[in-house]
Full PDB file with SEQRES, HELIX, SHEET, SSBOND, CRYST1, ORIGX, SCALE, CONECT and MASTER records, all heavy atoms in Angstrom:
SEQRES   1 A   38  GLN VAL THR TYR HIS GLY PRO GLY GLN LEU VAL ILE TYR          
SEQRES   2 A   38  THR LEU LEU ASP ILE LYS ARG LEU LYS ILE GLY VAL ARG          
SEQRES   3 A   38  GLN LEU VAL THR ILE LEU GLU GLN ALA MET ILE SER              
HELIX    1 AA1 ILE A   18  LEU A   21  1                                   4    
HELIX    2 AA2 VAL A   25  ILE A   37  1                                  13    
CRYST1    1.000    1.000    1.000  90.00  90.00  90.00 P 1           1          
ORIGX1      1.000000  0.000000  0.000000        0.00000                         
ORIGX2      0.000000  1.000000  0.000000        0.00000                         
ORIGX3      0.000000  0.000000  1.000000        0.00000                         
SCALE1      1.000000  0.000000  0.000000        0.00000                         
SCALE2      0.000000  1.000000  0.000000        0.00000                         
SCALE3      0.000000  0.000000  1.000000        0.00000                         
ATOM      1  N   GLN A   1     172.248  15.898-132.303  1.00  0.00           N  
ATOM      2  CA  GLN A   1     171.171  14.966-132.622  1.00  0.00           C  
ATOM      3  C   GLN A   1     170.953  14.885-134.132  1.00  0.00           C  
ATOM      4  O   GLN A   1     171.895  15.046-134.907  1.00  0.00           O  
ATOM      5  CB  GLN A   1     169.898  15.419-131.890  1.00  0.00           C  
ATOM      6  CG  GLN A   1     169.996  15.356-130.377  1.00  0.00           C  
ATOM      7  CD  GLN A   1     169.722  13.955-129.828  1.00  0.00           C  
ATOM      8  OE1 GLN A   1     169.234  13.074-130.519  1.00  0.00           O  
ATOM      9  NE2 GLN A   1     170.053  13.751-128.560  1.00  0.00           N  
ATOM     10  N   VAL A   2     169.702  14.678-134.530  1.00  0.00           N  
ATOM     11  CA  VAL A   2     169.383  14.507-135.949  1.00  0.00           C  
ATOM     12  C   VAL A   2     169.157  15.864-136.613  1.00  0.00           C  
ATOM     13  O   VAL A   2     168.603  16.788-136.013  1.00  0.00           O  
ATOM     14  CB  VAL A   2     168.142  13.601-136.127  1.00  0.00           C  
ATOM     15  CG1 VAL A   2     166.900  14.205-135.486  1.00  0.00           C  
ATOM     16  CG2 VAL A   2     167.871  13.300-137.610  1.00  0.00           C  
ATOM     17  N   THR A   3     169.630  15.986-137.851  1.00  0.00           N  
ATOM     18  CA  THR A   3     169.322  17.175-138.636  1.00  0.00           C  
ATOM     19  C   THR A   3     169.158  16.787-140.097  1.00  0.00           C  
ATOM     20  O   THR A   3     169.385  15.639-140.482  1.00  0.00           O  
ATOM     21  CB  THR A   3     170.368  18.289-138.453  1.00  0.00           C  
ATOM     22  OG1 THR A   3     169.823  19.514-138.962  1.00  0.00           O  
ATOM     23  CG2 THR A   3     171.671  17.975-139.181  1.00  0.00           C  
ATOM     24  N   TYR A   4     168.783  17.766-140.902  1.00  0.00           N  
ATOM     25  CA  TYR A   4     168.600  17.555-142.338  1.00  0.00           C  
ATOM     26  C   TYR A   4     169.502  18.506-143.107  1.00  0.00           C  
ATOM     27  O   TYR A   4     169.665  19.672-142.725  1.00  0.00           O  
ATOM     28  CB  TYR A   4     167.135  17.811-142.722  1.00  0.00           C  
ATOM     29  CG  TYR A   4     166.914  17.865-144.228  1.00  0.00           C  
ATOM     30  CD1 TYR A   4     166.934  16.696-144.998  1.00  0.00           C  
ATOM     31  CD2 TYR A   4     166.711  19.082-144.882  1.00  0.00           C  
ATOM     32  CE1 TYR A   4     166.760  16.747-146.375  1.00  0.00           C  
ATOM     33  CE2 TYR A   4     166.526  19.132-146.255  1.00  0.00           C  
ATOM     34  CZ  TYR A   4     166.555  17.968-146.993  1.00  0.00           C  
ATOM     35  OH  TYR A   4     166.395  18.009-148.360  1.00  0.00           O  
ATOM     36  N   HIS A   5     170.104  18.002-144.173  1.00  0.00           N  
ATOM     37  CA  HIS A   5     170.844  18.848-145.114  1.00  0.00           C  
ATOM     38  C   HIS A   5     170.225  18.674-146.497  1.00  0.00           C  
ATOM     39  O   HIS A   5     169.841  17.558-146.874  1.00  0.00           O  
ATOM     40  CB  HIS A   5     172.320  18.447-145.196  1.00  0.00           C  
ATOM     41  CG  HIS A   5     173.072  18.582-143.907  1.00  0.00           C  
ATOM     42  ND1 HIS A   5     173.165  19.776-143.218  1.00  0.00           N  
ATOM     43  CD2 HIS A   5     173.785  17.682-143.190  1.00  0.00           C  
ATOM     44  CE1 HIS A   5     173.892  19.593-142.131  1.00  0.00           C  
ATOM     45  NE2 HIS A   5     174.279  18.338-142.085  1.00  0.00           N  
ATOM     46  N   GLY A   6     170.181  19.768-147.250  1.00  0.00           N  
ATOM     47  CA  GLY A   6     169.665  19.684-148.606  1.00  0.00           C  
ATOM     48  C   GLY A   6     170.109  20.878-149.426  1.00  0.00           C  
ATOM     49  O   GLY A   6     170.640  21.860-148.885  1.00  0.00           O  
ATOM     50  N   PRO A   7     169.914  20.830-150.740  1.00  0.00           N  
ATOM     51  CA  PRO A   7     170.306  21.941-151.611  1.00  0.00           C  
ATOM     52  C   PRO A   7     169.661  23.257-151.163  1.00  0.00           C  
ATOM     53  O   PRO A   7     168.497  23.274-150.757  1.00  0.00           O  
ATOM     54  CB  PRO A   7     169.776  21.513-152.985  1.00  0.00           C  
ATOM     55  CG  PRO A   7     169.691  20.022-152.907  1.00  0.00           C  
ATOM     56  CD  PRO A   7     169.319  19.709-151.487  1.00  0.00           C  
ATOM     57  N   GLY A   8     170.445  24.327-151.213  1.00  0.00           N  
ATOM     58  CA  GLY A   8     169.948  25.632-150.786  1.00  0.00           C  
ATOM     59  C   GLY A   8     170.243  25.949-149.336  1.00  0.00           C  
ATOM     60  O   GLY A   8     169.961  27.044-148.857  1.00  0.00           O  
ATOM     61  N   GLN A   9     170.849  24.974-148.629  1.00  0.00           N  
ATOM     62  CA  GLN A   9     171.302  25.203-147.255  1.00  0.00           C  
ATOM     63  C   GLN A   9     172.819  25.398-147.307  1.00  0.00           C  
ATOM     64  O   GLN A   9     173.534  24.584-147.908  1.00  0.00           O  
ATOM     65  CB  GLN A   9     170.973  24.003-146.370  1.00  0.00           C  
ATOM     66  CG  GLN A   9     171.414  24.154-144.917  1.00  0.00           C  
ATOM     67  CD  GLN A   9     171.274  22.829-144.169  1.00  0.00           C  
ATOM     68  OE1 GLN A   9     171.934  21.847-144.507  1.00  0.00           O  
ATOM     69  NE2 GLN A   9     170.405  22.804-143.164  1.00  0.00           N  
ATOM     70  N   LEU A  10     173.298  26.469-146.702  1.00  0.00           N  
ATOM     71  CA  LEU A  10     174.736  26.722-146.638  1.00  0.00           C  
ATOM     72  C   LEU A  10     175.356  25.885-145.527  1.00  0.00           C  
ATOM     73  O   LEU A  10     174.912  25.956-144.378  1.00  0.00           O  
ATOM     74  CB  LEU A  10     174.993  28.210-146.374  1.00  0.00           C  
ATOM     75  CG  LEU A  10     176.448  28.606-146.103  1.00  0.00           C  
ATOM     76  CD1 LEU A  10     177.331  28.368-147.324  1.00  0.00           C  
ATOM     77  CD2 LEU A  10     176.535  30.056-145.640  1.00  0.00           C  
ATOM     78  N   VAL A  11     176.359  25.099-145.881  1.00  0.00           N  
ATOM     79  CA  VAL A  11     177.102  24.321-144.887  1.00  0.00           C  
ATOM     80  C   VAL A  11     178.553  24.804-144.913  1.00  0.00           C  
ATOM     81  O   VAL A  11     179.147  24.933-145.988  1.00  0.00           O  
ATOM     82  CB  VAL A  11     177.018  22.810-145.182  1.00  0.00           C  
ATOM     83  CG1 VAL A  11     177.847  22.013-144.184  1.00  0.00           C  
ATOM     84  CG2 VAL A  11     175.562  22.339-145.163  1.00  0.00           C  
ATOM     85  N   ILE A  12     179.081  25.107-143.746  1.00  0.00           N  
ATOM     86  CA  ILE A  12     180.476  25.545-143.626  1.00  0.00           C  
ATOM     87  C   ILE A  12     181.179  24.627-142.638  1.00  0.00           C  
ATOM     88  O   ILE A  12     180.762  24.509-141.485  1.00  0.00           O  
ATOM     89  CB  ILE A  12     180.568  27.014-143.175  1.00  0.00           C  
ATOM     90  CG1 ILE A  12     179.998  27.924-144.271  1.00  0.00           C  
ATOM     91  CG2 ILE A  12     182.015  27.391-142.854  1.00  0.00           C  
ATOM     92  CD1 ILE A  12     179.998  29.400-143.928  1.00  0.00           C  
ATOM     93  N   TYR A  13     182.215  23.959-143.128  1.00  0.00           N  
ATOM     94  CA  TYR A  13     182.993  23.056-142.289  1.00  0.00           C  
ATOM     95  C   TYR A  13     184.305  23.736-141.890  1.00  0.00           C  
ATOM     96  O   TYR A  13     185.029  24.257-142.743  1.00  0.00           O  
ATOM     97  CB  TYR A  13     183.277  21.747-143.025  1.00  0.00           C  
ATOM     98  CG  TYR A  13     182.047  20.905-143.243  1.00  0.00           C  
ATOM     99  CD1 TYR A  13     181.752  20.357-144.486  1.00  0.00           C  
ATOM    100  CD2 TYR A  13     181.161  20.654-142.196  1.00  0.00           C  
ATOM    101  CE1 TYR A  13     180.616  19.575-144.684  1.00  0.00           C  
ATOM    102  CE2 TYR A  13     180.023  19.878-142.386  1.00  0.00           C  
ATOM    103  CZ  TYR A  13     179.760  19.336-143.636  1.00  0.00           C  
ATOM    104  OH  TYR A  13     178.633  18.569-143.820  1.00  0.00           O  
ATOM    105  N   THR A  14     184.582  23.711-140.592  1.00  0.00           N  
ATOM    106  CA  THR A  14     185.766  24.387-140.059  1.00  0.00           C  
ATOM    107  C   THR A  14     186.797  23.340-139.640  1.00  0.00           C  
ATOM    108  O   THR A  14     186.623  22.665-138.631  1.00  0.00           O  
ATOM    109  CB  THR A  14     185.383  25.278-138.857  1.00  0.00           C  
ATOM    110  OG1 THR A  14     184.558  24.524-137.951  1.00  0.00           O  
ATOM    111  CG2 THR A  14     184.593  26.496-139.328  1.00  0.00           C  
ATOM    112  N   LEU A  15     187.846  23.208-140.438  1.00  0.00           N  
ATOM    113  CA  LEU A  15     188.916  22.239-140.168  1.00  0.00           C  
ATOM    114  C   LEU A  15     190.089  23.011-139.566  1.00  0.00           C  
ATOM    115  O   LEU A  15     190.962  23.516-140.275  1.00  0.00           O  
ATOM    116  CB  LEU A  15     189.298  21.518-141.464  1.00  0.00           C  
ATOM    117  CG  LEU A  15     188.181  20.613-142.007  1.00  0.00           C  
ATOM    118  CD1 LEU A  15     187.316  21.353-143.013  1.00  0.00           C  
ATOM    119  CD2 LEU A  15     188.737  19.359-142.649  1.00  0.00           C  
ATOM    120  N   LEU A  16     190.051  23.115-138.240  1.00  0.00           N  
ATOM    121  CA  LEU A  16     190.937  24.023-137.521  1.00  0.00           C  
ATOM    122  C   LEU A  16     191.751  23.291-136.465  1.00  0.00           C  
ATOM    123  O   LEU A  16     191.240  22.379-135.798  1.00  0.00           O  
ATOM    124  CB  LEU A  16     190.119  25.117-136.825  1.00  0.00           C  
ATOM    125  CG  LEU A  16     189.107  25.896-137.670  1.00  0.00           C  
ATOM    126  CD1 LEU A  16     188.273  26.803-136.775  1.00  0.00           C  
ATOM    127  CD2 LEU A  16     189.817  26.694-138.761  1.00  0.00           C  
ATOM    128  N   ASP A  17     192.999  23.706-136.291  1.00  0.00           N  
ATOM    129  CA  ASP A  17     193.825  23.224-135.196  1.00  0.00           C  
ATOM    130  C   ASP A  17     193.514  24.109-133.991  1.00  0.00           C  
ATOM    131  O   ASP A  17     194.081  25.188-133.838  1.00  0.00           O  
ATOM    132  CB  ASP A  17     195.309  23.318-135.592  1.00  0.00           C  
ATOM    133  CG  ASP A  17     196.237  22.729-134.542  1.00  0.00           C  
ATOM    134  OD1 ASP A  17     195.878  22.743-133.344  1.00  0.00           O  
ATOM    135  OD2 ASP A  17     197.332  22.269-134.915  1.00  0.00           O  
ATOM    136  N   ILE A  18     192.581  23.663-133.153  1.00  0.00           N  
ATOM    137  CA  ILE A  18     192.109  24.540-132.084  1.00  0.00           C  
ATOM    138  C   ILE A  18     193.154  24.706-130.973  1.00  0.00           C  
ATOM    139  O   ILE A  18     193.161  25.711-130.273  1.00  0.00           O  
ATOM    140  CB  ILE A  18     190.743  24.090-131.495  1.00  0.00           C  
ATOM    141  CG1 ILE A  18     190.822  22.711-130.847  1.00  0.00           C  
ATOM    142  CG2 ILE A  18     189.657  24.135-132.565  1.00  0.00           C  
ATOM    143  CD1 ILE A  18     189.567  22.348-130.056  1.00  0.00           C  
ATOM    144  N   LYS A  19     194.040  23.726-130.841  1.00  0.00           N  
ATOM    145  CA  LYS A  19     195.125  23.876-129.857  1.00  0.00           C  
ATOM    146  C   LYS A  19     196.069  25.002-130.298  1.00  0.00           C  
ATOM    147  O   LYS A  19     196.453  25.856-129.494  1.00  0.00           O  
ATOM    148  CB  LYS A  19     195.885  22.556-129.702  1.00  0.00           C  
ATOM    149  CG  LYS A  19     196.924  22.591-128.595  1.00  0.00           C  
ATOM    150  CD  LYS A  19     197.603  21.236-128.436  1.00  0.00           C  
ATOM    151  CE  LYS A  19     198.613  21.266-127.295  1.00  0.00           C  
ATOM    152  NZ  LYS A  19     199.295  19.956-127.159  1.00  0.00           N  
ATOM    153  N   ARG A  20     196.415  25.003-131.574  1.00  0.00           N  
ATOM    154  CA  ARG A  20     197.302  26.041-132.114  1.00  0.00           C  
ATOM    155  C   ARG A  20     196.642  27.419-132.037  1.00  0.00           C  
ATOM    156  O   ARG A  20     197.286  28.432-131.783  1.00  0.00           O  
ATOM    157  CB  ARG A  20     197.660  25.683-133.565  1.00  0.00           C  
ATOM    158  CG  ARG A  20     198.674  26.607-134.219  1.00  0.00           C  
ATOM    159  CD  ARG A  20     199.139  26.029-135.548  1.00  0.00           C  
ATOM    160  NE  ARG A  20     198.061  25.950-136.522  1.00  0.00           N  
ATOM    161  CZ  ARG A  20     198.113  25.207-137.636  1.00  0.00           C  
ATOM    162  NH1 ARG A  20     199.181  24.475-137.893  1.00  0.00           N  
ATOM    163  NH2 ARG A  20     197.108  25.190-138.492  1.00  0.00           N  
ATOM    164  N   LEU A  21     195.323  27.442-132.258  1.00  0.00           N  
ATOM    165  CA  LEU A  21     194.568  28.702-132.212  1.00  0.00           C  
ATOM    166  C   LEU A  21     194.272  29.148-130.772  1.00  0.00           C  
ATOM    167  O   LEU A  21     193.785  30.263-130.568  1.00  0.00           O  
ATOM    168  CB  LEU A  21     193.245  28.550-132.977  1.00  0.00           C  
ATOM    169  CG  LEU A  21     193.357  28.415-134.489  1.00  0.00           C  
ATOM    170  CD1 LEU A  21     192.026  27.960-135.082  1.00  0.00           C  
ATOM    171  CD2 LEU A  21     193.820  29.709-135.135  1.00  0.00           C  
ATOM    172  N   LYS A  22     194.498  28.205-129.830  1.00  0.00           N  
ATOM    173  CA  LYS A  22     194.229  28.482-128.410  1.00  0.00           C  
ATOM    174  C   LYS A  22     192.758  28.821-128.156  1.00  0.00           C  
ATOM    175  O   LYS A  22     192.420  29.771-127.449  1.00  0.00           O  
ATOM    176  CB  LYS A  22     195.131  29.611-127.884  1.00  0.00           C  
ATOM    177  CG  LYS A  22     196.621  29.288-127.941  1.00  0.00           C  
ATOM    178  CD  LYS A  22     197.464  30.417-127.360  1.00  0.00           C  
ATOM    179  CE  LYS A  22     198.930  30.043-127.262  1.00  0.00           C  
ATOM    180  NZ  LYS A  22     199.570  29.743-128.559  1.00  0.00           N  
ATOM    181  N   ILE A  23     191.876  28.030-128.781  1.00  0.00           N  
ATOM    182  CA  ILE A  23     190.439  28.186-128.508  1.00  0.00           C  
ATOM    183  C   ILE A  23     189.854  26.839-128.084  1.00  0.00           C  
ATOM    184  O   ILE A  23     190.288  25.794-128.557  1.00  0.00           O  
ATOM    185  CB  ILE A  23     189.654  28.755-129.721  1.00  0.00           C  
ATOM    186  CG1 ILE A  23     189.868  27.909-130.982  1.00  0.00           C  
ATOM    187  CG2 ILE A  23     190.018  30.199-129.993  1.00  0.00           C  
ATOM    188  CD1 ILE A  23     189.052  28.367-132.178  1.00  0.00           C  
ATOM    189  N   GLY A  24     188.892  26.897-127.172  1.00  0.00           N  
ATOM    190  CA  GLY A  24     188.239  25.687-126.700  1.00  0.00           C  
ATOM    191  C   GLY A  24     187.040  25.334-127.573  1.00  0.00           C  
ATOM    192  O   GLY A  24     186.617  26.120-128.421  1.00  0.00           O  
ATOM    193  N   VAL A  25     186.481  24.154-127.327  1.00  0.00           N  
ATOM    194  CA  VAL A  25     185.349  23.682-128.133  1.00  0.00           C  
ATOM    195  C   VAL A  25     184.136  24.594-127.947  1.00  0.00           C  
ATOM    196  O   VAL A  25     183.487  25.000-128.913  1.00  0.00           O  
ATOM    197  CB  VAL A  25     184.972  22.231-127.753  1.00  0.00           C  
ATOM    198  CG1 VAL A  25     183.825  21.739-128.617  1.00  0.00           C  
ATOM    199  CG2 VAL A  25     186.168  21.317-127.917  1.00  0.00           C  
ATOM    200  N   ARG A  26     183.821  24.926-126.697  1.00  0.00           N  
ATOM    201  CA  ARG A  26     182.655  25.791-126.439  1.00  0.00           C  
ATOM    202  C   ARG A  26     182.860  27.153-127.085  1.00  0.00           C  
ATOM    203  O   ARG A  26     181.922  27.741-127.636  1.00  0.00           O  
ATOM    204  CB  ARG A  26     182.460  25.924-124.921  1.00  0.00           C  
ATOM    205  CG  ARG A  26     181.311  26.790-124.488  1.00  0.00           C  
ATOM    206  CD  ARG A  26     179.948  26.287-124.965  1.00  0.00           C  
ATOM    207  NE  ARG A  26     179.332  27.224-125.877  1.00  0.00           N  
ATOM    208  CZ  ARG A  26     178.124  27.122-126.378  1.00  0.00           C  
ATOM    209  NH1 ARG A  26     177.363  26.085-126.088  1.00  0.00           N  
ATOM    210  NH2 ARG A  26     177.639  28.019-127.183  1.00  0.00           N  
ATOM    211  N   GLN A  27     184.092  27.639-127.041  1.00  0.00           N  
ATOM    212  CA  GLN A  27     184.403  28.934-127.660  1.00  0.00           C  
ATOM    213  C   GLN A  27     184.198  28.865-129.171  1.00  0.00           C  
ATOM    214  O   GLN A  27     183.677  29.805-129.790  1.00  0.00           O  
ATOM    215  CB  GLN A  27     185.849  29.321-127.336  1.00  0.00           C  
ATOM    216  CG  GLN A  27     186.215  30.749-127.738  1.00  0.00           C  
ATOM    217  CD  GLN A  27     187.661  31.076-127.414  1.00  0.00           C  
ATOM    218  OE1 GLN A  27     188.359  30.291-126.775  1.00  0.00           O  
ATOM    219  NE2 GLN A  27     188.117  32.233-127.857  1.00  0.00           N  
ATOM    220  N   LEU A  28     184.597  27.740-129.778  1.00  0.00           N  
ATOM    221  CA  LEU A  28     184.427  27.586-131.225  1.00  0.00           C  
ATOM    222  C   LEU A  28     182.939  27.550-131.590  1.00  0.00           C  
ATOM    223  O   LEU A  28     182.517  28.177-132.573  1.00  0.00           O  
ATOM    224  CB  LEU A  28     185.130  26.312-131.707  1.00  0.00           C  
ATOM    225  CG  LEU A  28     184.998  26.000-133.205  1.00  0.00           C  
ATOM    226  CD1 LEU A  28     185.490  27.156-134.074  1.00  0.00           C  
ATOM    227  CD2 LEU A  28     185.753  24.712-133.546  1.00  0.00           C  
ATOM    228  N   VAL A  29     182.145  26.834-130.801  1.00  0.00           N  
ATOM    229  CA  VAL A  29     180.691  26.807-131.040  1.00  0.00           C  
ATOM    230  C   VAL A  29     180.120  28.223-130.989  1.00  0.00           C  
ATOM    231  O   VAL A  29     179.341  28.630-131.852  1.00  0.00           O  
ATOM    232  CB  VAL A  29     179.978  25.894-130.009  1.00  0.00           C  
ATOM    233  CG1 VAL A  29     178.459  26.053-130.082  1.00  0.00           C  
ATOM    234  CG2 VAL A  29     180.360  24.431-130.242  1.00  0.00           C  
ATOM    235  N   THR A  30     180.533  28.991-129.990  1.00  0.00           N  
ATOM    236  CA  THR A  30     180.064  30.376-129.855  1.00  0.00           C  
ATOM    237  C   THR A  30     180.486  31.220-131.059  1.00  0.00           C  
ATOM    238  O   THR A  30     179.695  32.027-131.569  1.00  0.00           O  
ATOM    239  CB  THR A  30     180.604  30.999-128.554  1.00  0.00           C  
ATOM    240  OG1 THR A  30     180.108  30.227-127.447  1.00  0.00           O  
ATOM    241  CG2 THR A  30     180.161  32.447-128.397  1.00  0.00           C  
ATOM    242  N   ILE A  31     181.722  31.030-131.531  1.00  0.00           N  
ATOM    243  CA  ILE A  31     182.199  31.766-132.710  1.00  0.00           C  
ATOM    244  C   ILE A  31     181.314  31.476-133.925  1.00  0.00           C  
ATOM    245  O   ILE A  31     180.937  32.393-134.667  1.00  0.00           O  
ATOM    246  CB  ILE A  31     183.680  31.410-133.000  1.00  0.00           C  
ATOM    247  CG1 ILE A  31     184.597  32.079-131.972  1.00  0.00           C  
ATOM    248  CG2 ILE A  31     184.082  31.812-134.426  1.00  0.00           C  
ATOM    249  CD1 ILE A  31     186.036  31.571-131.994  1.00  0.00           C  
ATOM    250  N   LEU A  32     180.954  30.210-134.122  1.00  0.00           N  
ATOM    251  CA  LEU A  32     180.116  29.839-135.274  1.00  0.00           C  
ATOM    252  C   LEU A  32     178.705  30.412-135.129  1.00  0.00           C  
ATOM    253  O   LEU A  32     178.121  30.900-136.108  1.00  0.00           O  
ATOM    254  CB  LEU A  32     180.061  28.319-135.441  1.00  0.00           C  
ATOM    255  CG  LEU A  32     181.400  27.608-135.701  1.00  0.00           C  
ATOM    256  CD1 LEU A  32     181.175  26.141-136.040  1.00  0.00           C  
ATOM    257  CD2 LEU A  32     182.195  28.277-136.807  1.00  0.00           C  
ATOM    258  N   GLU A  33     178.173  30.335-133.911  1.00  0.00           N  
ATOM    259  CA  GLU A  33     176.845  30.925-133.671  1.00  0.00           C  
ATOM    260  C   GLU A  33     176.868  32.432-133.936  1.00  0.00           C  
ATOM    261  O   GLU A  33     175.991  32.967-134.629  1.00  0.00           O  
ATOM    262  CB  GLU A  33     176.398  30.648-132.234  1.00  0.00           C  
ATOM    263  CG  GLU A  33     176.040  29.197-131.959  1.00  0.00           C  
ATOM    264  CD  GLU A  33     175.780  28.914-130.481  1.00  0.00           C  
ATOM    265  OE1 GLU A  33     176.278  29.663-129.612  1.00  0.00           O  
ATOM    266  OE2 GLU A  33     175.079  27.931-130.204  1.00  0.00           O  
ATOM    267  N   GLN A  34     177.876  33.107-133.386  1.00  0.00           N  
ATOM    268  CA  GLN A  34     177.949  34.567-133.526  1.00  0.00           C  
ATOM    269  C   GLN A  34     178.174  34.982-134.983  1.00  0.00           C  
ATOM    270  O   GLN A  34     177.728  36.055-135.401  1.00  0.00           O  
ATOM    271  CB  GLN A  34     179.052  35.138-132.620  1.00  0.00           C  
ATOM    272  CG  GLN A  34     178.729  35.068-131.137  1.00  0.00           C  
ATOM    273  CD  GLN A  34     177.440  35.802-130.778  1.00  0.00           C  
ATOM    274  OE1 GLN A  34     177.165  36.884-131.257  1.00  0.00           O  
ATOM    275  NE2 GLN A  34     176.628  35.183-129.917  1.00  0.00           N  
ATOM    276  N   ALA A  35     178.867  34.151-135.750  1.00  0.00           N  
ATOM    277  CA  ALA A  35     179.077  34.451-137.170  1.00  0.00           C  
ATOM    278  C   ALA A  35     177.744  34.487-137.915  1.00  0.00           C  
ATOM    279  O   ALA A  35     177.516  35.366-138.765  1.00  0.00           O  
ATOM    280  CB  ALA A  35     180.013  33.416-137.791  1.00  0.00           C  
ATOM    281  N   MET A  36     176.851  33.550-137.587  1.00  0.00           N  
ATOM    282  CA  MET A  36     175.522  33.549-138.218  1.00  0.00           C  
ATOM    283  C   MET A  36     174.676  34.703-137.696  1.00  0.00           C  
ATOM    284  O   MET A  36     173.971  35.369-138.466  1.00  0.00           O  
ATOM    285  CB  MET A  36     174.830  32.196-137.992  1.00  0.00           C  
ATOM    286  CG  MET A  36     175.470  31.056-138.771  1.00  0.00           C  
ATOM    287  SD  MET A  36     174.528  29.492-138.694  1.00  0.00           S  
ATOM    288  CE  MET A  36     175.089  28.848-137.118  1.00  0.00           C  
ATOM    289  N   ILE A  37     174.759  34.969-136.393  1.00  0.00           N  
ATOM    290  CA  ILE A  37     173.976  36.053-135.785  1.00  0.00           C  
ATOM    291  C   ILE A  37     174.371  37.408-136.369  1.00  0.00           C  
ATOM    292  O   ILE A  37     173.514  38.222-136.729  1.00  0.00           O  
ATOM    293  CB  ILE A  37     174.131  36.036-134.249  1.00  0.00           C  
ATOM    294  CG1 ILE A  37     173.405  34.812-133.663  1.00  0.00           C  
ATOM    295  CG2 ILE A  37     173.592  37.325-133.620  1.00  0.00           C  
ATOM    296  CD1 ILE A  37     173.722  34.528-132.202  1.00  0.00           C  
ATOM    297  N   SER A  38     175.685  37.641-136.507  1.00  0.00           N  
ATOM    298  CA  SER A  38     176.134  38.939-137.051  1.00  0.00           C  
ATOM    299  C   SER A  38     175.789  39.065-138.523  1.00  0.00           C  
ATOM    300  O   SER A  38     175.461  40.156-139.002  1.00  0.00           O  
ATOM    301  CB  SER A  38     177.637  39.120-136.821  1.00  0.00           C  
ATOM    302  OG  SER A  38     178.385  38.178-137.554  1.00  0.00           O  
TER     303      SER A  38                                                      
MASTER        0    0    0    2    0    0    0    6  302    1    0    3          
END                                                                             
């Protein structure tokens, strides 16, 4: 949905070949969530 971006917010874009990595979309979302949680 809608979000806001602005200075002081860290944005990380992941440009990954998920087929080559053998990971699914839901798995990738979980990886990104867990990276912030850890």
